[in-house]
């Protein structure tokens, strides 16, 4: 009888230990991933934004749009690189959108670009701008999050709609997620079919600044850039 009790106890011990170790490993991974992305760690998040800015082949003359601006980091980076440009950041933000907008404006002021940057609430699937209103457009990890767009390719099309003819664009998202965007070559062909002059697909998941730990599919392992000229 004692042997049976010990056997059951050992079984329960391992049944509880294995899930606990798994949960601990998952938690430890995400803590480490956050460290890599954070300014206090490897600052990979900032380098991801930088990859968008560096791939925008624009002379900085005129107006630019950042779609899904979050806390305004990419918007500000575009404004700082192009001191003669005006930049608009849009985001849906959610229920506390006024607080988020205030945060963006405070960040812009801290970086000294508040006179050339504006922020407003807007839906990426229905941008409140006329056709060809902007000279350039950027976006980072936004399109796949647009809940009211069943076909995320239509969000790309809407973003390009507000770029003027010969204007430039650089969008970074999970473009290698085939269940959402299809095959890369088909996506590029679709964008060209909208009358876009130049389209280039870059697998930024392979950028040298991306640590191996972040290249998992649920992190940035499906990250890529679509850039071009309308």
C-alpha atoms as a PDB file:
ATOM      1  CA  UNK A   1       0.000   0.000   0.000  1.00  0.00           C
ATOM      2  CA  UNK A   2       2.824   2.400   0.918  1.00  0.00           C
ATOM      3  CA  UNK A   3       4.514   1.643  -2.388  1.00  0.00           C
ATOM      4  CA  UNK A   4       1.329   2.539  -4.266  1.00  0.00           C
ATOM      5  CA  UNK A   5       1.018   5.808  -2.374  1.00  0.00           C
ATOM      6  CA  UNK A   6       4.628   6.686  -3.157  1.00  0.00           C
ATOM      7  CA  UNK A   7       4.097   5.803  -6.808  1.00  0.00           C
ATOM      8  CA  UNK A   8       1.024   8.030  -7.049  1.00  0.00           C
ATOM      9  CA  UNK A   9       2.856  10.841  -5.250  1.00  0.00           C
ATOM     10  CA  UNK A  10       5.794  10.579  -7.658  1.00  0.00           C
ATOM     11  CA  UNK A  11       3.417  10.588 -10.609  1.00  0.00           C
ATOM     12  CA  UNK A  12       1.642  13.707  -9.351  1.00  0.00           C
ATOM     13  CA  UNK A  13       4.960  15.383  -8.654  1.00  0.00           C
ATOM     14  CA  UNK A  14       6.126  14.955 -12.233  1.00  0.00           C
ATOM     15  CA  UNK A  15       2.704  15.866 -13.625  1.00  0.00           C
ATOM     16  CA  UNK A  16       2.914  19.172 -11.783  1.00  0.00           C
ATOM     17  CA  UNK A  17       6.635  19.764 -12.293  1.00  0.00           C
ATOM     18  CA  UNK A  18       6.689  19.448 -16.072  1.00  0.00           C
ATOM     19  CA  UNK A  19       3.961  22.076 -16.722  1.00  0.00           C
ATOM     20  CA  UNK A  20       5.550  24.336 -14.120  1.00  0.00           C
ATOM     21  CA  UNK A  21       8.949  24.093 -15.814  1.00  0.00           C
ATOM     22  CA  UNK A  22       7.332  24.776 -19.178  1.00  0.00           C
ATOM     23  CA  UNK A  23       5.523  27.869 -17.857  1.00  0.00           C
ATOM     24  CA  UNK A  24       8.736  29.079 -16.235  1.00  0.00           C
ATOM     25  CA  UNK A  25      10.651  28.626 -19.500  1.00  0.00           C
ATOM     26  CA  UNK A  26       8.001  30.541 -21.468  1.00  0.00           C
ATOM     27  CA  UNK A  27       7.968  33.359 -18.917  1.00  0.00           C
ATOM     28  CA  UNK A  28      11.769  33.508 -18.900  1.00  0.00           C
ATOM     29  CA  UNK A  29      11.822  33.700 -22.708  1.00  0.00           C
ATOM     30  CA  UNK A  30       9.431  36.633 -22.838  1.00  0.00           C
ATOM     31  CA  UNK A  31      11.349  38.475 -20.122  1.00  0.00           C
ATOM     32  CA  UNK A  32      14.522  37.991 -22.172  1.00  0.00           C
ATOM     33  CA  UNK A  33      12.759  39.015 -25.397  1.00  0.00           C
ATOM     34  CA  UNK A  34      11.508  42.185 -23.738  1.00  0.00           C
ATOM     35  CA  UNK A  35      15.048  42.909 -22.583  1.00  0.00           C
ATOM     36  CA  UNK A  36      16.344  42.534 -26.139  1.00  0.00           C
ATOM     37  CA  UNK A  37      13.704  44.901 -27.499  1.00  0.00           C
ATOM     38  CA  UNK A  38      14.015  47.453 -24.702  1.00  0.00           C
ATOM     39  CA  UNK A  39      16.284  50.543 -24.699  1.00  0.00           C
ATOM     40  CA  UNK A  40      17.737  49.140 -21.474  1.00  0.00           C
ATOM     41  CA  UNK A  41      18.732  45.970 -23.313  1.00  0.00           C
ATOM     42  CA  UNK A  42      19.754  45.531 -26.965  1.00  0.00           C
ATOM     43  CA  UNK A  43      17.290  48.219 -28.118  1.00  0.00           C
ATOM     44  CA  UNK A  44      16.191  46.040 -31.030  1.00  0.00           C
ATOM     45  CA  UNK A  45      12.803  47.775 -31.225  1.00  0.00           C
ATOM     46  CA  UNK A  46      14.474  51.066 -32.084  1.00  0.00           C
ATOM     47  CA  UNK A  47      16.558  49.340 -34.754  1.00  0.00           C
ATOM     48  CA  UNK A  48      13.371  47.850 -36.233  1.00  0.00           C
ATOM     49  CA  UNK A  49      11.968  51.381 -36.594  1.00  0.00           C
ATOM     50  CA  UNK A  50      15.298  52.505 -38.032  1.00  0.00           C
ATOM     51  CA  UNK A  51      15.040  49.832 -40.716  1.00  0.00           C
ATOM     52  CA  UNK A  52      11.807  51.444 -41.916  1.00  0.00           C
ATOM     53  CA  UNK A  53      13.349  54.925 -42.006  1.00  0.00           C
ATOM     54  CA  UNK A  54      16.521  53.775 -43.759  1.00  0.00           C
ATOM     55  CA  UNK A  55      14.490  51.994 -46.441  1.00  0.00           C
ATOM     56  CA  UNK A  56      12.361  55.036 -47.240  1.00  0.00           C
ATOM     57  CA  UNK A  57      13.983  56.382 -50.416  1.00  0.00           C
ATOM     58  CA  UNK A  58      12.542  59.873 -50.042  1.00  0.00           C
ATOM     59  CA  UNK A  59      14.136  63.316 -50.329  1.00  0.00           C
ATOM     60  CA  UNK A  60      12.227  64.642 -47.320  1.00  0.00           C
ATOM     61  CA  UNK A  61      10.412  67.376 -49.224  1.00  0.00           C
ATOM     62  CA  UNK A  62       6.730  67.643 -48.367  1.00  0.00           C
ATOM     63  CA  UNK A  63       4.375  65.623 -46.173  1.00  0.00           C
ATOM     64  CA  UNK A  64       4.763  62.112 -44.753  1.00  0.00           C
ATOM     65  CA  UNK A  65       2.309  59.795 -43.002  1.00  0.00           C
ATOM     66  CA  UNK A  66       3.009  57.191 -40.319  1.00  0.00           C
ATOM     67  CA  UNK A  67       0.189  54.627 -40.131  1.00  0.00           C
ATOM     68  CA  UNK A  68      -0.245  52.993 -36.729  1.00  0.00           C
ATOM     69  CA  UNK A  69       2.094  55.375 -34.943  1.00  0.00           C
ATOM     70  CA  UNK A  70       1.635  53.975 -31.408  1.00  0.00           C
ATOM     71  CA  UNK A  71       3.619  56.247 -29.092  1.00  0.00           C
ATOM     72  CA  UNK A  72       4.987  58.252 -32.015  1.00  0.00           C
ATOM     73  CA  UNK A  73       8.480  56.761 -32.140  1.00  0.00           C
ATOM     74  CA  UNK A  74       8.598  56.098 -35.892  1.00  0.00           C
ATOM     75  CA  UNK A  75       6.837  59.379 -36.681  1.00  0.00           C
ATOM     76  CA  UNK A  76       9.506  61.234 -34.729  1.00  0.00           C
ATOM     77  CA  UNK A  77      12.346  59.308 -36.373  1.00  0.00           C
ATOM     78  CA  UNK A  78      11.040  60.256 -39.826  1.00  0.00           C
ATOM     79  CA  UNK A  79      10.765  63.910 -38.774  1.00  0.00           C
ATOM     80  CA  UNK A  80      14.291  63.944 -37.340  1.00  0.00           C
ATOM     81  CA  UNK A  81      15.828  62.419 -40.462  1.00  0.00           C
ATOM     82  CA  UNK A  82      13.958  64.847 -42.737  1.00  0.00           C
ATOM     83  CA  UNK A  83      14.128  68.291 -41.097  1.00  0.00           C
ATOM     84  CA  UNK A  84      12.188  70.009 -43.890  1.00  0.00           C
ATOM     85  CA  UNK A  85       9.259  67.590 -43.786  1.00  0.00           C
ATOM     86  CA  UNK A  86       5.983  67.663 -41.910  1.00  0.00           C
ATOM     87  CA  UNK A  87       4.851  64.300 -40.558  1.00  0.00           C
ATOM     88  CA  UNK A  88       1.418  63.074 -39.488  1.00  0.00           C
ATOM     89  CA  UNK A  89       1.051  60.066 -37.219  1.00  0.00           C
ATOM     90  CA  UNK A  90      -2.277  58.253 -37.069  1.00  0.00           C
ATOM     91  CA  UNK A  91      -3.455  55.459 -34.811  1.00  0.00           C
ATOM     92  CA  UNK A  92      -6.779  54.100 -33.599  1.00  0.00           C
ATOM     93  CA  UNK A  93      -5.306  53.776 -30.081  1.00  0.00           C
ATOM     94  CA  UNK A  94      -8.488  52.501 -28.409  1.00  0.00           C
ATOM     95  CA  UNK A  95     -10.583  53.835 -25.543  1.00  0.00           C
ATOM     96  CA  UNK A  96      -7.819  55.985 -24.051  1.00  0.00           C
ATOM     97  CA  UNK A  97      -6.886  57.564 -27.374  1.00  0.00           C
ATOM     98  CA  UNK A  98      -6.706  61.110 -25.974  1.00  0.00           C
ATOM     99  CA  UNK A  99      -4.092  59.988 -23.438  1.00  0.00           C
ATOM    100  CA  UNK A 100      -2.136  58.201 -26.188  1.00  0.00           C
ATOM    101  CA  UNK A 101      -2.230  61.279 -28.416  1.00  0.00           C
ATOM    102  CA  UNK A 102      -0.973  63.431 -25.546  1.00  0.00           C
ATOM    103  CA  UNK A 103       1.862  60.937 -25.016  1.00  0.00           C
ATOM    104  CA  UNK A 104       2.867  61.186 -28.689  1.00  0.00           C
ATOM    105  CA  UNK A 105       2.859  64.968 -28.536  1.00  0.00           C
ATOM    106  CA  UNK A 106       4.959  64.944 -25.367  1.00  0.00           C
ATOM    107  CA  UNK A 107       7.467  62.595 -27.021  1.00  0.00           C
ATOM    108  CA  UNK A 108       7.652  64.840 -30.090  1.00  0.00           C
ATOM    109  CA  UNK A 109       8.284  67.866 -27.895  1.00  0.00           C
ATOM    110  CA  UNK A 110      11.040  66.036 -26.010  1.00  0.00           C
ATOM    111  CA  UNK A 111      12.743  65.306 -29.352  1.00  0.00           C
ATOM    112  CA  UNK A 112      12.334  68.885 -30.588  1.00  0.00           C
ATOM    113  CA  UNK A 113      10.105  68.130 -33.585  1.00  0.00           C
ATOM    114  CA  UNK A 114       6.743  69.233 -32.188  1.00  0.00           C
ATOM    115  CA  UNK A 115       6.401  72.055 -34.744  1.00  0.00           C
ATOM    116  CA  UNK A 116       6.538  69.626 -37.676  1.00  0.00           C
ATOM    117  CA  UNK A 117       4.625  66.665 -36.282  1.00  0.00           C
ATOM    118  CA  UNK A 118       0.907  66.141 -35.691  1.00  0.00           C
ATOM    119  CA  UNK A 119      -1.033  63.166 -34.376  1.00  0.00           C
ATOM    120  CA  UNK A 120      -4.650  62.185 -34.833  1.00  0.00           C
ATOM    121  CA  UNK A 121      -6.987  59.276 -34.284  1.00  0.00           C
ATOM    122  CA  UNK A 122      -7.841  57.432 -37.495  1.00  0.00           C
ATOM    123  CA  UNK A 123      -8.568  53.965 -38.829  1.00  0.00           C
ATOM    124  CA  UNK A 124      -5.908  52.484 -41.121  1.00  0.00           C
ATOM    125  CA  UNK A 125      -8.583  50.787 -43.221  1.00  0.00           C
ATOM    126  CA  UNK A 126     -10.338  54.120 -43.929  1.00  0.00           C
ATOM    127  CA  UNK A 127      -7.772  56.902 -43.869  1.00  0.00           C
ATOM    128  CA  UNK A 128      -9.328  60.392 -43.622  1.00  0.00           C
ATOM    129  CA  UNK A 129      -7.178  61.858 -46.390  1.00  0.00           C
ATOM    130  CA  UNK A 130      -7.672  62.549 -50.081  1.00  0.00           C
ATOM    131  CA  UNK A 131      -6.029  60.463 -52.799  1.00  0.00           C
ATOM    132  CA  UNK A 132      -2.361  61.404 -53.187  1.00  0.00           C
ATOM    133  CA  UNK A 133      -2.334  63.722 -50.172  1.00  0.00           C
ATOM    134  CA  UNK A 134       1.116  62.635 -48.910  1.00  0.00           C
ATOM    135  CA  UNK A 135       4.535  62.586 -50.520  1.00  0.00           C
ATOM    136  CA  UNK A 136       5.591  59.538 -48.498  1.00  0.00           C
ATOM    137  CA  UNK A 137       4.123  56.958 -46.119  1.00  0.00           C
ATOM    138  CA  UNK A 138       5.536  54.533 -43.567  1.00  0.00           C
ATOM    139  CA  UNK A 139       4.129  51.942 -41.213  1.00  0.00           C
ATOM    140  CA  UNK A 140       5.531  49.400 -38.787  1.00  0.00           C
ATOM    141  CA  UNK A 141       3.724  46.299 -37.517  1.00  0.00           C
ATOM    142  CA  UNK A 142       0.267  47.777 -38.000  1.00  0.00           C
ATOM    143  CA  UNK A 143      -1.541  46.287 -40.984  1.00  0.00           C
ATOM    144  CA  UNK A 144      -2.081  42.776 -39.594  1.00  0.00           C
ATOM    145  CA  UNK A 145      -3.689  44.319 -36.488  1.00  0.00           C
ATOM    146  CA  UNK A 146      -6.437  46.203 -38.357  1.00  0.00           C
ATOM    147  CA  UNK A 147      -9.472  44.334 -37.055  1.00  0.00           C
ATOM    148  CA  UNK A 148     -12.133  45.612 -39.449  1.00  0.00           C
ATOM    149  CA  UNK A 149     -10.176  44.631 -42.564  1.00  0.00           C
ATOM    150  CA  UNK A 150     -10.796  40.999 -43.489  1.00  0.00           C
ATOM    151  CA  UNK A 151      -8.247  41.148 -46.313  1.00  0.00           C
ATOM    152  CA  UNK A 152      -5.129  42.842 -44.915  1.00  0.00           C
ATOM    153  CA  UNK A 153      -3.870  43.508 -48.427  1.00  0.00           C
ATOM    154  CA  UNK A 154      -6.625  46.096 -48.688  1.00  0.00           C
ATOM    155  CA  UNK A 155      -4.999  47.972 -45.796  1.00  0.00           C
ATOM    156  CA  UNK A 156      -1.823  48.196 -47.876  1.00  0.00           C
ATOM    157  CA  UNK A 157      -3.885  49.447 -50.800  1.00  0.00           C
ATOM    158  CA  UNK A 158      -5.512  52.110 -48.632  1.00  0.00           C
ATOM    159  CA  UNK A 159      -2.084  53.243 -47.405  1.00  0.00           C
ATOM    160  CA  UNK A 160      -0.810  53.584 -50.966  1.00  0.00           C
ATOM    161  CA  UNK A 161      -3.985  55.408 -52.022  1.00  0.00           C
ATOM    162  CA  UNK A 162      -3.037  58.492 -49.996  1.00  0.00           C
ATOM    163  CA  UNK A 163       0.475  58.626 -51.500  1.00  0.00           C
ATOM    164  CA  UNK A 164       0.848  60.882 -54.511  1.00  0.00           C
ATOM    165  CA  UNK A 165       2.016  59.631 -57.889  1.00  0.00           C
ATOM    166  CA  UNK A 166       5.818  59.204 -57.744  1.00  0.00           C
ATOM    167  CA  UNK A 167       5.590  59.316 -53.938  1.00  0.00           C
ATOM    168  CA  UNK A 168       7.526  56.809 -51.817  1.00  0.00           C
ATOM    169  CA  UNK A 169       6.416  54.246 -49.235  1.00  0.00           C
ATOM    170  CA  UNK A 170       7.990  51.764 -46.824  1.00  0.00           C
ATOM    171  CA  UNK A 171       5.827  49.378 -44.814  1.00  0.00           C
ATOM    172  CA  UNK A 172       7.112  46.746 -42.385  1.00  0.00           C
ATOM    173  CA  UNK A 173       4.827  44.016 -41.107  1.00  0.00           C
ATOM    174  CA  UNK A 174       4.459  40.240 -40.855  1.00  0.00           C
ATOM    175  CA  UNK A 175       4.458  40.043 -44.644  1.00  0.00           C
ATOM    176  CA  UNK A 176       5.914  36.517 -44.534  1.00  0.00           C
ATOM    177  CA  UNK A 177       2.764  35.289 -42.758  1.00  0.00           C
ATOM    178  CA  UNK A 178       1.325  33.476 -45.756  1.00  0.00           C
ATOM    179  CA  UNK A 179      -2.073  32.811 -44.189  1.00  0.00           C
ATOM    180  CA  UNK A 180      -2.579  36.587 -44.106  1.00  0.00           C
ATOM    181  CA  UNK A 181      -0.644  37.956 -47.097  1.00  0.00           C
ATOM    182  CA  UNK A 182      -0.063  34.919 -49.323  1.00  0.00           C
ATOM    183  CA  UNK A 183       3.193  34.242 -51.137  1.00  0.00           C
ATOM    184  CA  UNK A 184       5.549  37.247 -51.272  1.00  0.00           C
ATOM    185  CA  UNK A 185       5.793  37.203 -55.065  1.00  0.00           C
ATOM    186  CA  UNK A 186       2.001  37.158 -55.344  1.00  0.00           C
ATOM    187  CA  UNK A 187       1.718  40.047 -52.899  1.00  0.00           C
ATOM    188  CA  UNK A 188       4.199  42.103 -54.916  1.00  0.00           C
ATOM    189  CA  UNK A 189       2.299  41.286 -58.123  1.00  0.00           C
ATOM    190  CA  UNK A 190      -0.980  42.340 -56.510  1.00  0.00           C
ATOM    191  CA  UNK A 191       0.483  45.682 -55.407  1.00  0.00           C
ATOM    192  CA  UNK A 192       1.863  46.316 -58.902  1.00  0.00           C
ATOM    193  CA  UNK A 193      -1.585  45.560 -60.341  1.00  0.00           C
ATOM    194  CA  UNK A 194      -2.862  48.643 -58.484  1.00  0.00           C
ATOM    195  CA  UNK A 195      -0.746  50.821 -60.777  1.00  0.00           C
ATOM    196  CA  UNK A 196       2.251  51.081 -58.458  1.00  0.00           C
ATOM    197  CA  UNK A 197       5.459  51.758 -60.391  1.00  0.00           C
ATOM    198  CA  UNK A 198       8.086  50.061 -58.210  1.00  0.00           C
ATOM    199  CA  UNK A 199       7.762  47.462 -55.450  1.00  0.00           C
ATOM    200  CA  UNK A 200      10.559  45.720 -53.540  1.00  0.00           C
ATOM    201  CA  UNK A 201      10.207  42.950 -50.944  1.00  0.00           C
ATOM    202  CA  UNK A 202      12.911  42.710 -48.244  1.00  0.00           C
ATOM    203  CA  UNK A 203      13.028  39.961 -45.599  1.00  0.00           C
ATOM    204  CA  UNK A 204      14.132  42.124 -42.683  1.00  0.00           C
ATOM    205  CA  UNK A 205      13.796  39.156 -40.336  1.00  0.00           C
ATOM    206  CA  UNK A 206      17.312  38.323 -41.531  1.00  0.00           C
ATOM    207  CA  UNK A 207      18.759  41.715 -40.593  1.00  0.00           C
ATOM    208  CA  UNK A 208      22.027  41.344 -38.651  1.00  0.00           C
ATOM    209  CA  UNK A 209      20.697  43.294 -35.667  1.00  0.00           C
ATOM    210  CA  UNK A 210      17.926  40.735 -35.037  1.00  0.00           C
ATOM    211  CA  UNK A 211      19.066  38.246 -32.342  1.00  0.00           C
ATOM    212  CA  UNK A 212      18.330  34.572 -32.984  1.00  0.00           C
ATOM    213  CA  UNK A 213      16.047  34.502 -29.947  1.00  0.00           C
ATOM    214  CA  UNK A 214      13.683  36.944 -31.653  1.00  0.00           C
ATOM    215  CA  UNK A 215      13.537  35.126 -34.994  1.00  0.00           C
ATOM    216  CA  UNK A 216      10.791  32.760 -33.830  1.00  0.00           C
ATOM    217  CA  UNK A 217       7.580  32.878 -35.927  1.00  0.00           C
ATOM    218  CA  UNK A 218       5.518  34.475 -33.149  1.00  0.00           C
ATOM    219  CA  UNK A 219       8.079  37.263 -32.656  1.00  0.00           C
ATOM    220  CA  UNK A 220       9.740  38.846 -35.726  1.00  0.00           C
ATOM    221  CA  UNK A 221      10.450  35.660 -37.664  1.00  0.00           C
ATOM    222  CA  UNK A 222       7.926  36.665 -40.344  1.00  0.00           C
ATOM    223  CA  UNK A 223       8.943  40.310 -40.557  1.00  0.00           C
ATOM    224  CA  UNK A 224       9.551  41.889 -43.952  1.00  0.00           C
ATOM    225  CA  UNK A 225       9.424  45.253 -45.692  1.00  0.00           C
ATOM    226  CA  UNK A 226       7.497  46.313 -48.753  1.00  0.00           C
ATOM    227  CA  UNK A 227       8.937  49.507 -50.223  1.00  0.00           C
ATOM    228  CA  UNK A 228       8.522  51.310 -53.464  1.00  0.00           C
ATOM    229  CA  UNK A 229       7.307  54.201 -55.557  1.00  0.00           C
ATOM    230  CA  UNK A 230       3.738  54.806 -56.607  1.00  0.00           C
END
